[in-house]
Each structure stands twice: as C-alpha cells, then as structure tokens.
Amino acid sequence: MQWQLRCPACGTDSVENKDFAPDHEVATVHPDRDDYDSPLGTRGGYVRVDLTCGEGHGFAFIIGNHKGAEFLGVVARG
C-alpha cells in the first residue's frame, strides 16, 4: 500500500524534504517516553520527517505508536 502526501495548507502534491542538503537531517527519531509529547498527542516513540511544498508551506509527517497501535499524521509547522 502507498499514499502520496499532499500539503495540508494548499493541497499540492509537490512535496519534498525541508531544506534538502547533505548535512541537514530531515528525519528525527524521538525516543519512547511516558510523556504525551508527540505532535500527534500520543505517548511513546515517534519519527518526524520535516517537509515543505512547492509553495513554501512547512509541515511534518509523523509516525508514532501508543500501546500497540501505530499512528500516521501530518502536522503543520508554525
């Protein structure tokens, strides 16, 4: 299965890694903690991938887990 991400602000499918450069990490792995600190509001570890669309809107694709369930989300960056 696969899905193509679209920008949550304008809907374009022209999406790429934020500030693409060899020395910039766009994917961040956050450790499994007991706090509800995920951008999705879940407790547990998560992976965050920072993205931008062709119009310049920034957002993050989040993959997280909580009590045996996996969650996917797109969160606008402020």
C-alpha atoms as a PDB file:
ATOM      1  CA  MET A   1       0.000   0.000   0.000  1.00  0.00           C
ATOM      2  CA  GLN A   2       1.137   3.545  -0.616  1.00  0.00           C
ATOM      3  CA  TRP A   3      -0.256   7.038  -0.395  1.00  0.00           C
ATOM      4  CA  GLN A   4       1.053  10.256  -1.888  1.00  0.00           C
ATOM      5  CA  LEU A   5       1.322  13.081   0.637  1.00  0.00           C
ATOM      6  CA  ARG A   6      -0.252  16.421  -0.146  1.00  0.00           C
ATOM      7  CA  CYS A   7       0.393  19.724   1.545  1.00  0.00           C
ATOM      8  CA  PRO A   8      -2.173  20.247   4.333  1.00  0.00           C
ATOM      9  CA  ALA A   9      -2.253  24.005   3.601  1.00  0.00           C
ATOM     10  CA  CYS A  10      -2.753  24.118  -0.186  1.00  0.00           C
ATOM     11  CA  GLY A  11      -3.238  20.509  -1.313  1.00  0.00           C
ATOM     12  CA  THR A  12      -0.395  20.378  -3.820  1.00  0.00           C
ATOM     13  CA  ASP A  13       1.338  17.042  -4.347  1.00  0.00           C
ATOM     14  CA  SER A  14       4.694  18.780  -4.928  1.00  0.00           C
ATOM     15  CA  VAL A  15       6.268  17.818  -1.586  1.00  0.00           C
ATOM     16  CA  GLU A  16       9.940  17.365  -0.719  1.00  0.00           C
ATOM     17  CA  ASN A  17      12.318  17.243   2.231  1.00  0.00           C
ATOM     18  CA  LYS A  18      12.677  20.550   4.031  1.00  0.00           C
ATOM     19  CA  ASP A  19      15.943  22.379   3.282  1.00  0.00           C
ATOM     20  CA  PHE A  20      17.363  19.439   1.335  1.00  0.00           C
ATOM     21  CA  ALA A  21      21.122  19.366   1.881  1.00  0.00           C
ATOM     22  CA  PRO A  22      23.559  16.545   2.688  1.00  0.00           C
ATOM     23  CA  ASP A  23      24.313  17.934   6.160  1.00  0.00           C
ATOM     24  CA  HIS A  24      20.682  18.521   7.207  1.00  0.00           C
ATOM     25  CA  GLU A  25      18.721  15.743   8.841  1.00  0.00           C
ATOM     26  CA  VAL A  26      15.072  15.878   7.822  1.00  0.00           C
ATOM     27  CA  ALA A  27      14.086  12.718   9.708  1.00  0.00           C
ATOM     28  CA  THR A  28      14.290  12.661  13.507  1.00  0.00           C
ATOM     29  CA  VAL A  29      13.684   9.611  15.713  1.00  0.00           C
ATOM     30  CA  HIS A  30      12.333  10.520  19.157  1.00  0.00           C
ATOM     31  CA  PRO A  31      12.768   8.014  21.979  1.00  0.00           C
ATOM     32  CA  ASP A  32       9.951   6.113  23.647  1.00  0.00           C
ATOM     33  CA  ARG A  33       8.904   8.137  26.689  1.00  0.00           C
ATOM     34  CA  ASP A  34       5.968   8.096  29.076  1.00  0.00           C
ATOM     35  CA  ASP A  35       5.058  11.717  28.286  1.00  0.00           C
ATOM     36  CA  TYR A  36       2.442  12.666  25.702  1.00  0.00           C
ATOM     37  CA  ASP A  37       4.985  14.768  23.779  1.00  0.00           C
ATOM     38  CA  SER A  38       4.333  13.539  20.241  1.00  0.00           C
ATOM     39  CA  PRO A  39       2.896  16.145  17.831  1.00  0.00           C
ATOM     40  CA  LEU A  40       0.010  13.667  17.398  1.00  0.00           C
ATOM     41  CA  GLY A  41      -0.704  13.692  21.131  1.00  0.00           C
ATOM     42  CA  THR A  42       0.373  10.084  21.565  1.00  0.00           C
ATOM     43  CA  ARG A  43       2.681   8.671  24.191  1.00  0.00           C
ATOM     44  CA  GLY A  44       5.675   6.665  23.037  1.00  0.00           C
ATOM     45  CA  GLY A  45       8.380   6.983  20.418  1.00  0.00           C
ATOM     46  CA  TYR A  46       7.826   8.625  17.061  1.00  0.00           C
ATOM     47  CA  VAL A  47       9.579   9.517  13.820  1.00  0.00           C
ATOM     48  CA  ARG A  48       9.269  13.042  12.424  1.00  0.00           C
ATOM     49  CA  VAL A  49      10.047  13.917   8.790  1.00  0.00           C
ATOM     50  CA  ASP A  50      10.135  17.660   8.041  1.00  0.00           C
ATOM     51  CA  LEU A  51       8.712  18.524   4.616  1.00  0.00           C
ATOM     52  CA  THR A  52       7.854  21.555   2.504  1.00  0.00           C
ATOM     53  CA  CYS A  53       5.675  22.029  -0.567  1.00  0.00           C
ATOM     54  CA  GLY A  54       6.449  23.930  -3.758  1.00  0.00           C
ATOM     55  CA  GLU A  55       4.509  26.918  -2.381  1.00  0.00           C
ATOM     56  CA  GLY A  56       6.733  27.070   0.718  1.00  0.00           C
ATOM     57  CA  HIS A  57       4.335  25.660   3.334  1.00  0.00           C
ATOM     58  CA  GLY A  58       6.150  23.656   6.008  1.00  0.00           C
ATOM     59  CA  PHE A  59       4.764  20.574   7.714  1.00  0.00           C
ATOM     60  CA  ALA A  60       5.858  17.326   9.317  1.00  0.00           C
ATOM     61  CA  PHE A  61       4.915  13.724   8.606  1.00  0.00           C
ATOM     62  CA  ILE A  62       4.730  11.853  11.918  1.00  0.00           C
ATOM     63  CA  ILE A  63       4.768   8.092  12.541  1.00  0.00           C
ATOM     64  CA  GLY A  64       4.108   7.199  16.167  1.00  0.00           C
ATOM     65  CA  ASN A  65       2.913   4.402  18.370  1.00  0.00           C
ATOM     66  CA  HIS A  66       0.902   4.163  21.556  1.00  0.00           C
ATOM     67  CA  LYS A  67       0.007   0.981  23.426  1.00  0.00           C
ATOM     68  CA  GLY A  68       0.457  -1.318  20.441  1.00  0.00           C
ATOM     69  CA  ALA A  69      -1.293   0.952  17.915  1.00  0.00           C
ATOM     70  CA  GLU A  70       0.501   2.783  15.100  1.00  0.00           C
ATOM     71  CA  PHE A  71      -0.499   6.309  14.058  1.00  0.00           C
ATOM     72  CA  LEU A  72       0.298   8.400  10.964  1.00  0.00           C
ATOM     73  CA  GLY A  73      -0.265  12.134  10.819  1.00  0.00           C
ATOM     74  CA  VAL A  74       0.570  15.348   9.014  1.00  0.00           C
ATOM     75  CA  VAL A  75       1.152  18.346  11.287  1.00  0.00           C
ATOM     76  CA  ALA A  76       1.620  21.957  10.152  1.00  0.00           C
ATOM     77  CA  ARG A  77       4.811  23.632  11.349  1.00  0.00           C
ATOM     78  CA  GLY A  78       4.493  27.005  12.981  1.00  0.00           C
END
